[in-house]
N, C-alpha and C. Protein backbone atom coordinates (compact mmCIF):
# COMPACT_ATOMS: atom_id res chain seq x y z
N UNK A 1 -40.60 -28.72 -32.69
CA UNK A 1 -40.83 -29.64 -31.60
C UNK A 1 -39.71 -30.68 -31.51
N UNK A 2 -39.25 -31.18 -32.67
CA UNK A 2 -38.20 -32.18 -32.68
C UNK A 2 -36.89 -31.61 -32.14
N UNK A 3 -36.63 -30.32 -32.41
CA UNK A 3 -35.40 -29.70 -31.92
C UNK A 3 -35.41 -29.61 -30.40
N UNK A 4 -36.57 -29.34 -29.82
CA UNK A 4 -36.68 -29.24 -28.36
C UNK A 4 -36.38 -30.60 -27.71
N UNK A 5 -36.91 -31.65 -28.29
CA UNK A 5 -36.66 -33.00 -27.76
C UNK A 5 -35.18 -33.34 -27.87
N UNK A 6 -34.58 -33.00 -29.00
CA UNK A 6 -33.16 -33.29 -29.21
C UNK A 6 -32.30 -32.54 -28.20
N UNK A 7 -32.57 -31.25 -28.01
CA UNK A 7 -31.79 -30.44 -27.06
C UNK A 7 -31.99 -30.95 -25.63
N UNK A 8 -33.22 -31.28 -25.27
CA UNK A 8 -33.48 -31.80 -23.93
C UNK A 8 -32.74 -33.11 -23.69
N UNK A 9 -32.78 -34.01 -24.68
CA UNK A 9 -32.08 -35.30 -24.53
C UNK A 9 -30.58 -35.10 -24.46
N UNK A 10 -30.05 -34.16 -25.22
CA UNK A 10 -28.63 -33.88 -25.19
C UNK A 10 -28.20 -33.35 -23.82
N UNK A 11 -29.01 -32.50 -23.23
CA UNK A 11 -28.71 -31.96 -21.90
C UNK A 11 -28.70 -33.09 -20.87
N UNK A 12 -29.67 -33.98 -20.95
CA UNK A 12 -29.72 -35.11 -20.01
C UNK A 12 -28.52 -36.01 -20.21
N UNK A 13 -28.13 -36.26 -21.45
CA UNK A 13 -26.97 -37.10 -21.73
C UNK A 13 -25.69 -36.48 -21.17
N UNK A 14 -25.54 -35.18 -21.31
CA UNK A 14 -24.37 -34.50 -20.76
C UNK A 14 -24.39 -34.53 -19.23
N UNK A 15 -25.56 -34.43 -18.64
CA UNK A 15 -25.68 -34.51 -17.19
C UNK A 15 -25.26 -35.90 -16.69
N UNK A 16 -25.70 -36.94 -17.41
CA UNK A 16 -25.29 -38.31 -17.04
C UNK A 16 -23.80 -38.49 -17.20
N UNK A 17 -23.23 -37.86 -18.23
CA UNK A 17 -21.78 -37.93 -18.40
C UNK A 17 -21.08 -37.30 -17.19
N UNK A 18 -21.59 -36.20 -16.69
CA UNK A 18 -21.03 -35.56 -15.51
C UNK A 18 -21.10 -36.48 -14.31
N UNK A 19 -22.24 -37.17 -14.14
CA UNK A 19 -22.39 -38.10 -13.03
C UNK A 19 -21.41 -39.26 -13.14
N UNK A 20 -21.26 -39.80 -14.33
CA UNK A 20 -20.38 -40.94 -14.54
C UNK A 20 -18.93 -40.53 -14.34
N UNK A 21 -18.55 -39.35 -14.80
CA UNK A 21 -17.17 -38.90 -14.70
C UNK A 21 -16.76 -38.67 -13.25
N UNK A 22 -17.69 -38.35 -12.38
CA UNK A 22 -17.37 -38.06 -11.00
C UNK A 22 -17.46 -39.26 -10.07
N UNK A 23 -17.77 -40.43 -10.59
CA UNK A 23 -17.89 -41.61 -9.75
C UNK A 23 -16.51 -42.18 -9.43
N UNK A 24 -16.37 -42.75 -8.24
CA UNK A 24 -15.13 -43.39 -7.81
C UNK A 24 -15.29 -44.90 -7.98
N UNK A 25 -15.27 -45.34 -9.22
CA UNK A 25 -15.48 -46.75 -9.52
C UNK A 25 -14.21 -47.33 -10.11
N UNK A 26 -13.97 -48.60 -9.88
CA UNK A 26 -12.85 -49.25 -10.51
C UNK A 26 -13.06 -49.24 -12.02
N UNK A 27 -11.97 -49.07 -12.75
CA UNK A 27 -12.06 -49.02 -14.20
C UNK A 27 -12.52 -50.36 -14.75
N UNK A 28 -12.14 -51.44 -14.10
CA UNK A 28 -12.43 -52.76 -14.65
C UNK A 28 -13.84 -53.26 -14.33
N UNK A 29 -14.63 -52.49 -13.62
CA UNK A 29 -15.98 -52.93 -13.28
C UNK A 29 -17.00 -51.86 -13.62
N UNK A 30 -18.15 -52.32 -14.09
CA UNK A 30 -19.28 -51.42 -14.35
C UNK A 30 -20.49 -52.00 -13.65
N UNK A 31 -21.33 -51.13 -13.15
CA UNK A 31 -22.54 -51.53 -12.46
C UNK A 31 -23.65 -51.72 -13.50
N UNK A 32 -24.11 -52.95 -13.65
CA UNK A 32 -25.11 -53.27 -14.66
C UNK A 32 -26.44 -52.58 -14.39
N UNK A 33 -26.80 -52.43 -13.12
CA UNK A 33 -28.07 -51.76 -12.79
C UNK A 33 -28.02 -50.29 -13.19
N UNK A 34 -26.90 -49.63 -12.93
CA UNK A 34 -26.76 -48.23 -13.34
C UNK A 34 -26.83 -48.11 -14.85
N UNK A 35 -26.18 -49.02 -15.54
CA UNK A 35 -26.19 -48.98 -17.01
C UNK A 35 -27.61 -49.12 -17.53
N UNK A 36 -28.38 -50.03 -16.93
CA UNK A 36 -29.77 -50.22 -17.35
C UNK A 36 -30.59 -48.97 -17.09
N UNK A 37 -30.43 -48.38 -15.91
CA UNK A 37 -31.21 -47.19 -15.57
C UNK A 37 -30.84 -46.01 -16.46
N UNK A 38 -29.55 -45.82 -16.70
CA UNK A 38 -29.12 -44.74 -17.59
C UNK A 38 -29.71 -44.93 -18.98
N UNK A 39 -29.70 -46.17 -19.46
CA UNK A 39 -30.22 -46.46 -20.79
C UNK A 39 -31.74 -46.28 -20.84
N UNK A 40 -32.42 -46.59 -19.75
CA UNK A 40 -33.87 -46.44 -19.71
C UNK A 40 -34.28 -44.97 -19.66
N UNK A 41 -33.55 -44.18 -18.87
CA UNK A 41 -33.91 -42.78 -18.67
C UNK A 41 -33.47 -41.91 -19.84
N UNK A 42 -32.23 -42.09 -20.30
CA UNK A 42 -31.66 -41.25 -21.35
C UNK A 42 -31.36 -42.13 -22.57
N UNK A 43 -31.83 -41.76 -23.73
CA UNK A 43 -31.49 -42.56 -24.91
C UNK A 43 -29.98 -42.65 -25.11
N UNK A 44 -29.45 -43.86 -25.06
CA UNK A 44 -28.02 -44.09 -25.23
C UNK A 44 -27.20 -43.86 -23.97
N UNK A 45 -27.85 -43.56 -22.85
CA UNK A 45 -27.13 -43.26 -21.62
C UNK A 45 -26.37 -44.45 -21.07
N UNK A 46 -26.94 -45.63 -21.13
CA UNK A 46 -26.26 -46.82 -20.64
C UNK A 46 -25.06 -47.18 -21.49
N UNK A 47 -25.18 -46.99 -22.80
CA UNK A 47 -24.06 -47.26 -23.67
C UNK A 47 -22.94 -46.25 -23.43
N UNK A 48 -23.31 -45.01 -23.17
CA UNK A 48 -22.32 -43.98 -22.85
C UNK A 48 -21.61 -44.32 -21.54
N UNK A 49 -22.37 -44.78 -20.55
CA UNK A 49 -21.80 -45.19 -19.26
C UNK A 49 -20.80 -46.33 -19.45
N UNK A 50 -21.09 -47.24 -20.38
CA UNK A 50 -20.21 -48.37 -20.64
C UNK A 50 -19.06 -48.02 -21.59
N UNK A 51 -18.94 -46.76 -21.92
CA UNK A 51 -17.89 -46.24 -22.79
C UNK A 51 -17.98 -46.81 -24.20
N UNK A 52 -19.18 -47.06 -24.66
CA UNK A 52 -19.44 -47.47 -26.04
C UNK A 52 -20.05 -46.25 -26.73
N UNK A 53 -19.20 -45.29 -27.09
CA UNK A 53 -19.67 -43.98 -27.53
C UNK A 53 -20.38 -44.03 -28.89
N UNK A 54 -19.86 -44.79 -29.84
CA UNK A 54 -20.51 -44.89 -31.14
C UNK A 54 -21.89 -45.51 -31.00
N UNK A 55 -21.97 -46.57 -30.18
CA UNK A 55 -23.26 -47.23 -29.96
C UNK A 55 -24.22 -46.28 -29.26
N UNK A 56 -23.71 -45.46 -28.35
CA UNK A 56 -24.54 -44.49 -27.65
C UNK A 56 -25.16 -43.49 -28.61
N UNK A 57 -24.37 -42.99 -29.53
CA UNK A 57 -24.87 -42.03 -30.52
C UNK A 57 -25.90 -42.71 -31.42
N UNK A 58 -25.64 -43.95 -31.82
CA UNK A 58 -26.57 -44.68 -32.69
C UNK A 58 -27.91 -44.90 -31.99
N UNK A 59 -27.87 -45.30 -30.72
CA UNK A 59 -29.12 -45.53 -29.97
C UNK A 59 -29.86 -44.21 -29.78
N UNK A 60 -29.13 -43.15 -29.43
CA UNK A 60 -29.74 -41.85 -29.24
C UNK A 60 -30.44 -41.39 -30.52
N UNK A 61 -29.74 -41.49 -31.64
CA UNK A 61 -30.30 -41.05 -32.92
C UNK A 61 -31.52 -41.89 -33.30
N UNK A 62 -31.44 -43.20 -33.11
CA UNK A 62 -32.56 -44.07 -33.47
C UNK A 62 -33.79 -43.77 -32.63
N UNK A 63 -33.60 -43.62 -31.32
CA UNK A 63 -34.75 -43.31 -30.46
C UNK A 63 -35.31 -41.92 -30.77
N UNK A 64 -34.45 -40.97 -31.07
CA UNK A 64 -34.91 -39.62 -31.40
C UNK A 64 -35.71 -39.64 -32.70
N UNK A 65 -35.27 -40.42 -33.67
CA UNK A 65 -35.99 -40.52 -34.93
C UNK A 65 -37.37 -41.14 -34.71
N UNK A 66 -37.43 -42.19 -33.89
CA UNK A 66 -38.72 -42.83 -33.62
C UNK A 66 -39.68 -41.86 -32.93
N UNK A 67 -39.18 -41.11 -31.97
CA UNK A 67 -40.01 -40.13 -31.27
C UNK A 67 -40.45 -39.03 -32.24
N UNK A 68 -39.52 -38.58 -33.08
CA UNK A 68 -39.85 -37.53 -34.05
C UNK A 68 -40.94 -37.97 -35.02
N UNK A 69 -40.82 -39.20 -35.53
CA UNK A 69 -41.86 -39.71 -36.43
C UNK A 69 -43.19 -39.86 -35.70
N UNK A 70 -43.17 -40.33 -34.46
CA UNK A 70 -44.42 -40.48 -33.71
C UNK A 70 -45.10 -39.12 -33.51
N UNK A 71 -44.31 -38.10 -33.21
CA UNK A 71 -44.87 -36.76 -33.04
C UNK A 71 -45.42 -36.23 -34.36
N UNK A 72 -44.67 -36.45 -35.43
CA UNK A 72 -45.12 -36.00 -36.75
C UNK A 72 -46.44 -36.68 -37.14
N UNK A 73 -46.53 -37.99 -36.93
CA UNK A 73 -47.77 -38.70 -37.26
C UNK A 73 -48.91 -38.27 -36.35
N UNK A 74 -48.61 -37.94 -35.11
CA UNK A 74 -49.64 -37.46 -34.20
C UNK A 74 -50.21 -36.11 -34.69
N UNK A 75 -49.32 -35.23 -35.11
CA UNK A 75 -49.77 -33.93 -35.62
C UNK A 75 -50.62 -34.12 -36.88
N UNK A 76 -50.15 -34.98 -37.79
CA UNK A 76 -50.91 -35.24 -39.02
C UNK A 76 -52.26 -35.91 -38.71
N UNK A 77 -52.25 -36.76 -37.70
CA UNK A 77 -53.49 -37.42 -37.28
C UNK A 77 -54.49 -36.38 -36.77
N UNK A 78 -54.02 -35.44 -35.96
CA UNK A 78 -54.91 -34.39 -35.44
C UNK A 78 -55.42 -33.49 -36.56
N UNK A 79 -54.56 -33.20 -37.53
CA UNK A 79 -55.00 -32.39 -38.68
C UNK A 79 -56.09 -33.11 -39.46
N UNK A 80 -55.91 -34.42 -39.65
CA UNK A 80 -56.93 -35.20 -40.37
C UNK A 80 -58.23 -35.23 -39.58
N UNK A 81 -58.16 -35.25 -38.26
CA UNK A 81 -59.36 -35.22 -37.42
C UNK A 81 -60.10 -33.89 -37.59
N UNK A 82 -59.31 -32.81 -37.61
CA UNK A 82 -59.92 -31.48 -37.78
C UNK A 82 -60.57 -31.35 -39.16
N UNK A 83 -59.99 -31.98 -40.17
CA UNK A 83 -60.55 -31.94 -41.53
C UNK A 83 -61.64 -32.98 -41.74
N UNK A 84 -61.92 -33.75 -40.71
CA UNK A 84 -62.93 -34.82 -40.73
C UNK A 84 -62.66 -35.84 -41.84
N UNK A 85 -61.38 -36.16 -42.02
CA UNK A 85 -60.96 -37.15 -43.01
C UNK A 85 -60.63 -38.44 -42.26
N UNK A 86 -61.60 -39.32 -42.17
CA UNK A 86 -61.47 -40.54 -41.37
C UNK A 86 -60.39 -41.48 -41.90
N UNK A 87 -60.25 -41.57 -43.22
CA UNK A 87 -59.27 -42.49 -43.81
C UNK A 87 -57.85 -42.06 -43.45
N UNK A 88 -57.55 -40.76 -43.61
CA UNK A 88 -56.21 -40.27 -43.25
C UNK A 88 -55.97 -40.38 -41.76
N UNK A 89 -57.01 -40.06 -40.98
CA UNK A 89 -56.88 -40.16 -39.53
C UNK A 89 -56.48 -41.59 -39.13
N UNK A 90 -57.17 -42.56 -39.68
CA UNK A 90 -56.88 -43.96 -39.36
C UNK A 90 -55.48 -44.35 -39.81
N UNK A 91 -55.08 -43.89 -40.99
CA UNK A 91 -53.75 -44.20 -41.51
C UNK A 91 -52.65 -43.64 -40.60
N UNK A 92 -52.77 -42.37 -40.21
CA UNK A 92 -51.75 -41.75 -39.36
C UNK A 92 -51.79 -42.31 -37.94
N UNK A 93 -52.97 -42.70 -37.50
CA UNK A 93 -53.08 -43.34 -36.18
C UNK A 93 -52.28 -44.64 -36.17
N UNK A 94 -52.47 -45.45 -37.21
CA UNK A 94 -51.74 -46.72 -37.30
C UNK A 94 -50.23 -46.50 -37.38
N UNK A 95 -49.81 -45.51 -38.15
CA UNK A 95 -48.38 -45.22 -38.27
C UNK A 95 -47.81 -44.74 -36.93
N UNK A 96 -48.57 -43.91 -36.23
CA UNK A 96 -48.11 -43.45 -34.92
C UNK A 96 -47.97 -44.61 -33.94
N UNK A 97 -48.95 -45.49 -33.94
CA UNK A 97 -48.88 -46.66 -33.05
C UNK A 97 -47.69 -47.54 -33.41
N UNK A 98 -47.40 -47.69 -34.70
CA UNK A 98 -46.23 -48.44 -35.13
C UNK A 98 -44.95 -47.84 -34.57
N UNK A 99 -44.85 -46.51 -34.62
CA UNK A 99 -43.66 -45.85 -34.10
C UNK A 99 -43.52 -46.07 -32.60
N UNK A 100 -44.64 -46.07 -31.89
CA UNK A 100 -44.59 -46.36 -30.45
C UNK A 100 -44.05 -47.76 -30.20
N UNK A 101 -44.52 -48.73 -30.98
CA UNK A 101 -44.04 -50.11 -30.81
C UNK A 101 -42.56 -50.22 -31.15
N UNK A 102 -42.14 -49.59 -32.24
CA UNK A 102 -40.72 -49.62 -32.61
C UNK A 102 -39.86 -48.94 -31.54
N UNK A 103 -40.36 -47.81 -31.03
CA UNK A 103 -39.62 -47.12 -29.97
C UNK A 103 -39.49 -48.03 -28.74
N UNK A 104 -40.56 -48.69 -28.35
CA UNK A 104 -40.52 -49.60 -27.20
C UNK A 104 -39.55 -50.75 -27.42
N UNK A 105 -39.54 -51.31 -28.62
CA UNK A 105 -38.61 -52.41 -28.93
C UNK A 105 -37.18 -51.93 -28.88
N UNK A 106 -36.91 -50.76 -29.44
CA UNK A 106 -35.55 -50.22 -29.44
C UNK A 106 -35.13 -49.88 -28.01
N UNK A 107 -36.04 -49.32 -27.23
CA UNK A 107 -35.73 -48.98 -25.84
C UNK A 107 -35.40 -50.25 -25.05
N UNK A 108 -36.20 -51.29 -25.23
CA UNK A 108 -35.96 -52.56 -24.54
C UNK A 108 -34.60 -53.13 -24.92
N UNK A 109 -34.30 -53.15 -26.22
CA UNK A 109 -33.02 -53.70 -26.68
C UNK A 109 -31.84 -52.87 -26.20
N UNK A 110 -32.00 -51.56 -26.12
CA UNK A 110 -30.89 -50.73 -25.64
C UNK A 110 -30.65 -50.94 -24.15
N UNK A 111 -31.71 -51.17 -23.38
CA UNK A 111 -31.55 -51.45 -21.95
C UNK A 111 -30.86 -52.80 -21.76
N UNK A 112 -31.28 -53.80 -22.51
CA UNK A 112 -30.63 -55.12 -22.43
C UNK A 112 -29.18 -55.04 -22.87
N UNK A 113 -28.92 -54.30 -23.93
CA UNK A 113 -27.55 -54.14 -24.42
C UNK A 113 -26.66 -53.46 -23.38
N UNK A 114 -27.17 -52.45 -22.72
CA UNK A 114 -26.40 -51.76 -21.68
C UNK A 114 -26.09 -52.71 -20.53
N UNK A 115 -27.06 -53.54 -20.16
CA UNK A 115 -26.85 -54.52 -19.09
C UNK A 115 -25.76 -55.51 -19.47
N UNK A 116 -25.84 -56.06 -20.67
CA UNK A 116 -24.87 -57.05 -21.12
C UNK A 116 -23.48 -56.44 -21.25
N UNK A 117 -23.40 -55.23 -21.81
CA UNK A 117 -22.10 -54.58 -21.92
C UNK A 117 -21.48 -54.31 -20.56
N UNK A 118 -22.28 -53.94 -19.58
CA UNK A 118 -21.75 -53.70 -18.24
C UNK A 118 -21.26 -55.00 -17.60
N UNK A 119 -22.01 -56.08 -17.78
CA UNK A 119 -21.60 -57.37 -17.22
C UNK A 119 -20.33 -57.89 -17.87
N UNK A 120 -20.16 -57.64 -19.16
CA UNK A 120 -19.00 -58.14 -19.89
C UNK A 120 -17.91 -57.08 -20.07
N UNK A 121 -17.97 -56.01 -19.29
CA UNK A 121 -17.03 -54.91 -19.47
C UNK A 121 -15.58 -55.34 -19.32
N UNK A 122 -15.29 -56.17 -18.33
CA UNK A 122 -13.91 -56.60 -18.10
C UNK A 122 -13.66 -58.04 -18.58
N UNK A 123 -14.41 -58.47 -19.56
CA UNK A 123 -14.31 -59.84 -20.06
C UNK A 123 -12.92 -60.14 -20.62
N UNK A 124 -12.35 -59.22 -21.37
CA UNK A 124 -11.02 -59.46 -21.97
C UNK A 124 -9.95 -59.64 -20.90
N UNK A 125 -10.03 -58.85 -19.81
CA UNK A 125 -9.07 -59.01 -18.72
C UNK A 125 -9.20 -60.38 -18.07
N UNK A 126 -10.43 -60.81 -17.82
CA UNK A 126 -10.66 -62.11 -17.20
C UNK A 126 -10.24 -63.24 -18.13
N UNK A 127 -10.47 -63.05 -19.42
CA UNK A 127 -10.12 -64.08 -20.39
C UNK A 127 -8.61 -64.30 -20.44
N UNK A 128 -7.83 -63.24 -20.28
CA UNK A 128 -6.37 -63.36 -20.29
C UNK A 128 -5.84 -64.11 -19.07
N UNK A 129 -6.62 -64.12 -18.00
CA UNK A 129 -6.18 -64.80 -16.78
C UNK A 129 -6.34 -66.32 -16.87
N UNK A 130 -7.21 -66.78 -17.74
CA UNK A 130 -7.47 -68.22 -17.88
C UNK A 130 -6.77 -68.73 -19.13
N UNK A 131 -6.07 -69.84 -18.96
CA UNK A 131 -5.36 -70.41 -20.11
C UNK A 131 -5.62 -71.91 -20.15
N UNK A 132 -6.03 -72.39 -21.28
CA UNK A 132 -6.28 -73.81 -21.50
C UNK A 132 -5.20 -74.32 -22.44
N UNK A 133 -4.43 -75.35 -21.98
CA UNK A 133 -3.32 -75.88 -22.77
C UNK A 133 -3.60 -77.32 -23.15
N UNK A 134 -3.27 -77.66 -24.39
CA UNK A 134 -3.36 -79.03 -24.88
C UNK A 134 -1.95 -79.50 -25.21
N UNK A 135 -1.43 -80.49 -24.47
CA UNK A 135 -0.11 -81.07 -24.72
C UNK A 135 -0.28 -82.57 -24.92
N UNK A 136 -0.23 -82.99 -26.16
CA UNK A 136 -0.37 -84.41 -26.44
C UNK A 136 -1.71 -84.93 -25.97
N UNK A 137 -1.66 -85.84 -24.97
CA UNK A 137 -2.88 -86.44 -24.42
C UNK A 137 -3.36 -85.76 -23.15
N UNK A 138 -2.71 -84.64 -22.77
CA UNK A 138 -3.09 -83.97 -21.52
C UNK A 138 -3.70 -82.60 -21.80
N UNK A 139 -4.59 -82.24 -20.93
CA UNK A 139 -5.22 -80.92 -20.99
C UNK A 139 -4.98 -80.26 -19.63
N UNK A 140 -4.50 -79.03 -19.65
CA UNK A 140 -4.28 -78.33 -18.37
C UNK A 140 -4.96 -76.98 -18.43
N UNK A 141 -5.43 -76.57 -17.29
CA UNK A 141 -6.12 -75.30 -17.13
C UNK A 141 -5.38 -74.49 -16.09
N UNK A 142 -4.98 -73.27 -16.43
CA UNK A 142 -4.30 -72.42 -15.45
C UNK A 142 -5.04 -71.10 -15.33
N UNK A 143 -5.01 -70.56 -14.12
CA UNK A 143 -5.67 -69.29 -13.83
C UNK A 143 -4.69 -68.40 -13.11
N UNK A 144 -4.47 -67.19 -13.63
CA UNK A 144 -3.57 -66.22 -13.00
C UNK A 144 -4.38 -65.24 -12.18
N UNK A 145 -3.94 -65.03 -10.96
CA UNK A 145 -4.62 -64.09 -10.07
C UNK A 145 -4.07 -62.71 -10.22
């Protein structure tokens, strides 16, 4: 079951890569809404869109692990139900719910991260245009267009 989820997510990630590669967008700008949507739909998709490839793989792996554990605990929970073992059922139920919460927290943080990375994508270019100089008792600010 975990392999099917991994393969499905990989196919979606590659599809998003195809969409991103074919866009006619300026290199110095990224659309924050697209980054958020990609990150929400595909694990690590927003990070991939923002060209943060290592972060994309880390987010993808983390979300896949959380989903895998949730599925594993769900299966164990159902087995405990079939065996009429209430203590194990309750234990695996709690663990599964924990994985859902962790997955939700990681998903939320990855969406926020994709948004922030998209907004700050060209920050270094903009920072080079602004120069603050201190000469003795004077302060000057220059901006290059």
